[in-house]
Amino acid sequence: MQAMQCLATAASGTSNAVGRRGERFCETEQRMTGQHSDGFFREESGSSEGGHQGGPNGNKASRLSSSDQGSEAKCFAAATRLLAGREYSVKELSNKLERRFAPEVVADVVAQMQSQGYVCNTRYGEAFCRSRVARGYGPAFIVRELEQNGLDSDLIDALLQPYEGRWLEYAVAQVEKKTLKDRPRSTLFDQRPVSDEEADYAEHAGCDEAPSADERREAWQREQKERGRLARFLARRGFSGAVASRAIKIGLSNRQESDD
């Protein structure tokens, strides 16, 4: 008899402890999600059929609220992990989270994080512009990417303002880098190594003949092919046709001078 009483007492103590832990968890969830002390979100309060919170429909509403709480907490944690890696725009972060969570849960979490400064379109745009400019991309590419990630045109214009007037400089750097990288395959300034015998023969024979018409035509065709390849490269990078044309002229001229 005493053993049964002890077991009953122990079970009662365990139940009370679990209940206290559950109450503390619910209080924490209420603070995070804005749930009210009756266990419901305000828009769901009193919406169960029959008007009895303790009935079957009331219990169902309570379970849904608890599930929403858990989803929101998990969504918030997932968003925090994403933002720890890099900056996100509001749209980009929402799209990423909606792969795992309901749209209404994502909207609440993202709005909360935006109000607390965890996610900011301006901060994201500044980081994106710095990264893409450093990697050699032009304004058209950057604008297109920012628009796809939900930034408005006024903000994009403000973000690109510090780089205005320097796009030609950036494009020239890309031309020089590209021609240097493709040097083994480039034929624009292809110069075959001359042997000592050939040099001596040219010196004694006075070989200063001008290139023939066919040689000039072939050289011009190689140059146009090279220019076209570089123009397509700069267009993919997001530079305008006018900037690309000037950059190619300057970059190839600089390269020829360095070869001479």
Foldseek 3Di string as FASTA:
>chain_A
DVVVVVVVVVVVVVVVVVVVVVVVVVVVLCVVPVDDPVQARVVCPQVFPPSDLPDPSVVVRSVVSVVLSVLLVVLLVVLVVVLVVDAAALQRSLVVSVVPGPSVSSVVNSVVCVVVPSHDLLVRLLVLVVVLLVVLFDLQVSVVVSVVRPDDPVSSCVSCVVCPPCNLVSLLVVLLVVCVVCVVVQDLVDDDDDDPVRVVCCVVVVPPDDDDPVVVVVNVVSVVVSLVVQQVVRVVRPDDNVSSVVSNVVNVVVVVVVVD
